[in-house]
C-alpha atoms as a PDB file:
ATOM      1  CA  MET A   1       0.003   0.023  -0.036  1.00  0.00           C
ATOM      2  CA  PRO A   2       1.125   3.510  -0.588  1.00  0.00           C
ATOM      3  CA  VAL A   3       2.455   5.353   2.407  1.00  0.00           C
ATOM      4  CA  TYR A   4       1.556   8.932   3.233  1.00  0.00           C
ATOM      5  CA  MET A   5       2.873  11.608   5.577  1.00  0.00           C
ATOM      6  CA  TYR A   6       0.128  14.048   6.840  1.00  0.00           C
ATOM      7  CA  GLN A   7       1.326  17.187   8.556  1.00  0.00           C
ATOM      8  CA  ALA A   8      -0.905  19.930  10.108  1.00  0.00           C
ATOM      9  CA  SER A   9      -1.443  22.399  12.796  1.00  0.00           C
ATOM     10  CA  TYR A  10      -4.317  22.697  15.153  1.00  0.00           C
ATOM     11  CA  SER A  11      -6.633  25.677  15.009  1.00  0.00           C
ATOM     12  CA  GLY A  12      -6.573  28.163  17.945  1.00  0.00           C
ATOM     13  CA  GLU A  13      -9.770  26.663  19.154  1.00  0.00           C
ATOM     14  CA  ALA A  14      -8.578  23.109  19.010  1.00  0.00           C
ATOM     15  CA  ILE A  15      -5.388  24.064  20.990  1.00  0.00           C
ATOM     16  CA  LYS A  16      -7.551  25.723  23.629  1.00  0.00           C
ATOM     17  CA  ALA A  17      -9.668  22.588  23.807  1.00  0.00           C
ATOM     18  CA  LEU A  18      -6.596  20.453  24.184  1.00  0.00           C
ATOM     19  CA  VAL A  19      -5.151  22.690  26.920  1.00  0.00           C
ATOM     20  CA  ASN A  20      -8.312  22.673  28.761  1.00  0.00           C
ATOM     21  CA  ASN A  21      -8.867  18.882  28.334  1.00  0.00           C
ATOM     22  CA  PRO A  22      -5.446  17.300  27.585  1.00  0.00           C
ATOM     23  CA  GLN A  23      -5.901  14.151  25.536  1.00  0.00           C
ATOM     24  CA  ASP A  24      -4.188  11.739  23.186  1.00  0.00           C
ATOM     25  CA  ARG A  25      -5.822  12.185  19.742  1.00  0.00           C
ATOM     26  CA  THR A  26      -4.046   9.054  18.293  1.00  0.00           C
ATOM     27  CA  GLY A  27      -7.312   7.022  18.525  1.00  0.00           C
ATOM     28  CA  ALA A  28      -9.259   9.615  16.581  1.00  0.00           C
ATOM     29  CA  ALA A  29      -6.614   9.764  13.758  1.00  0.00           C
ATOM     30  CA  GLN A  30      -6.432   5.938  13.718  1.00  0.00           C
ATOM     31  CA  ALA A  31     -10.210   5.644  13.505  1.00  0.00           C
ATOM     32  CA  ALA A  32     -10.249   8.118  10.533  1.00  0.00           C
ATOM     33  CA  ILE A  33      -7.551   6.259   8.718  1.00  0.00           C
ATOM     34  CA  GLU A  34      -9.145   2.846   9.182  1.00  0.00           C
ATOM     35  CA  ALA A  35     -12.463   4.210   8.013  1.00  0.00           C
ATOM     36  CA  ASN A  36     -10.894   4.469   4.535  1.00  0.00           C
ATOM     37  CA  GLY A  37      -9.132   1.084   4.610  1.00  0.00           C
ATOM     38  CA  GLY A  38      -5.765   2.366   5.908  1.00  0.00           C
ATOM     39  CA  THR A  39      -3.393   1.492   8.778  1.00  0.00           C
ATOM     40  CA  MET A  40      -1.769   4.144  10.931  1.00  0.00           C
ATOM     41  CA  VAL A  41       1.960   3.648  11.212  1.00  0.00           C
ATOM     42  CA  GLY A  42       2.325   6.341  13.848  1.00  0.00           C
ATOM     43  CA  ALA A  43       1.394   9.791  15.058  1.00  0.00           C
ATOM     44  CA  TRP A  44       3.563  12.497  16.720  1.00  0.00           C
ATOM     45  CA  MET A  45       3.242  16.003  18.101  1.00  0.00           C
ATOM     46  CA  ALA A  46       5.940  18.185  16.580  1.00  0.00           C
ATOM     47  CA  PHE A  47       7.795  21.481  17.334  1.00  0.00           C
ATOM     48  CA  GLY A  48       8.117  24.017  14.587  1.00  0.00           C
ATOM     49  CA  GLU A  49       5.891  24.667  11.583  1.00  0.00           C
ATOM     50  CA  ASP A  50       3.457  21.793  12.137  1.00  0.00           C
ATOM     51  CA  ASP A  51       1.822  20.592  15.423  1.00  0.00           C
ATOM     52  CA  LEU A  52       1.414  17.046  14.336  1.00  0.00           C
ATOM     53  CA  VAL A  53       2.675  14.390  11.964  1.00  0.00           C
ATOM     54  CA  VAL A  54       0.931  11.224  10.983  1.00  0.00           C
ATOM     55  CA  ILE A  55       2.235   8.408   8.841  1.00  0.00           C
ATOM     56  CA  ALA A  56      -0.319   6.054   7.337  1.00  0.00           C
ATOM     57  CA  ASP A  57      -0.527   3.196   4.841  1.00  0.00           C
ATOM     58  CA  MET A  58      -3.520   3.851   2.610  1.00  0.00           C
ATOM     59  CA  PRO A  59      -5.038   1.783  -0.198  1.00  0.00           C
ATOM     60  CA  ASP A  60      -4.777   4.777  -2.711  1.00  0.00           C
ATOM     61  CA  ASP A  61      -4.630   8.497  -3.107  1.00  0.00           C
ATOM     62  CA  GLU A  62      -8.396   8.917  -2.965  1.00  0.00           C
ATOM     63  CA  SER A  63      -8.587   7.182   0.359  1.00  0.00           C
ATOM     64  CA  MET A  64      -5.884   9.551   1.801  1.00  0.00           C
ATOM     65  CA  VAL A  65      -7.580  12.609   0.271  1.00  0.00           C
ATOM     66  CA  GLY A  66     -10.808  11.499   2.020  1.00  0.00           C
ATOM     67  CA  VAL A  67      -9.244  11.324   5.361  1.00  0.00           C
ATOM     68  CA  ALA A  68      -7.436  14.657   4.972  1.00  0.00           C
ATOM     69  CA  LEU A  69     -10.502  16.411   3.720  1.00  0.00           C
ATOM     70  CA  ALA A  70     -12.742  14.980   6.380  1.00  0.00           C
ATOM     71  CA  ILE A  71     -10.280  16.049   9.136  1.00  0.00           C
ATOM     72  CA  SER A  72      -9.901  19.506   7.723  1.00  0.00           C
ATOM     73  CA  SER A  73     -13.604  20.029   7.380  1.00  0.00           C
ATOM     74  CA  THR A  74     -14.091  19.934  11.138  1.00  0.00           C
ATOM     75  CA  GLY A  75     -12.122  23.243  11.451  1.00  0.00           C
ATOM     76  CA  ALA A  76      -9.792  21.545  14.086  1.00  0.00           C
ATOM     77  CA  ILE A  77      -6.818  21.532  11.684  1.00  0.00           C
ATOM     78  CA  VAL A  78      -5.417  24.334   9.654  1.00  0.00           C
ATOM     79  CA  GLY A  79      -2.714  24.188   6.970  1.00  0.00           C
ATOM     80  CA  GLY A  80      -2.835  20.375   6.459  1.00  0.00           C
ATOM     81  CA  LYS A  81      -0.560  18.898   3.839  1.00  0.00           C
ATOM     82  CA  THR A  82      -0.211  15.372   2.579  1.00  0.00           C
ATOM     83  CA  THR A  83       3.031  13.931   1.065  1.00  0.00           C
ATOM     84  CA  LYS A  84       3.086  10.585  -0.643  1.00  0.00           C
ATOM     85  CA  LEU A  85       6.215   8.723   0.446  1.00  0.00           C
ATOM     86  CA  LEU A  86       8.296   6.468  -1.704  1.00  0.00           C
ATOM     87  CA  THR A  87      10.404   3.407  -0.801  1.00  0.00           C
ATOM     88  CA  LEU A  88      14.003   3.688  -1.726  1.00  0.00           C
ATOM     89  CA  ASP A  89      13.488   0.995  -4.399  1.00  0.00           C
ATOM     90  CA  GLN A  90      10.832   3.237  -5.893  1.00  0.00           C
ATOM     91  CA  ALA A  91      13.135   6.265  -5.722  1.00  0.00           C
ATOM     92  CA  VAL A  92      15.951   4.353  -7.511  1.00  0.00           C
ATOM     93  CA  SER A  93      13.328   3.332 -10.157  1.00  0.00           C
ATOM     94  CA  GLY A  94      12.485   6.980 -10.577  1.00  0.00           C
ATOM     95  CA  MET A  95      16.067   7.939 -10.868  1.00  0.00           C
ATOM     96  CA  LYS A  96      16.481   5.441 -13.733  1.00  0.00           C
ATOM     97  CA  LYS A  97      13.438   6.888 -15.425  1.00  0.00           C
ATOM     98  CA  ALA A  98      14.825  10.480 -14.995  1.00  0.00           C
ATOM     99  CA  LYS A  99      18.036   9.387 -16.697  1.00  0.00           C
ATOM    100  CA  ALA A 100      16.057   8.010 -19.599  1.00  0.00           C
ATOM    101  CA  VAL A 101      14.212  11.328 -19.926  1.00  0.00           C
ATOM    102  CA  LEU A 102      17.470  13.292 -19.955  1.00  0.00           C
ATOM    103  CA  SER A 103      18.671  11.241 -22.980  1.00  0.00           C
ATOM    104  CA  VAL A 104      15.870  12.969 -24.959  1.00  0.00           C
ATOM    105  CA  TYR A 105      15.031  16.157 -23.185  1.00  0.00           C
ATOM    106  CA  LYS A 106      17.069  19.332 -23.964  1.00  0.00           C
ATOM    107  CA  PRO A 107      16.590  22.499 -21.778  1.00  0.00           C
ATOM    108  CA  PRO A 108      16.016  25.866 -23.536  1.00  0.00           C
ATOM    109  CA  ALA A 109      19.241  27.339 -24.854  1.00  0.00           C
END
């Protein structure tokens, strides 16, 4: 199954709710992922640009989009972004394909 990294920040209201009622939201994220046929690899809180990072195995792009859109639609998340991750074998295959493209593509002169 494809693997995805979902990064997002909580809205101000969601942060206020978490401070007033501290809780582990892993179960909620896992339920959302499983509702679309996926498996959660892990979830982490983060410092910096994003408040949380979730890694999930999902059946396809549409399933991941469904999870991301559903969670974002609640207003608890702002600035969510999804990145499809590749195995190193997939990356090497892509490198070989890039090499083949370079044999025919010429940049503007």
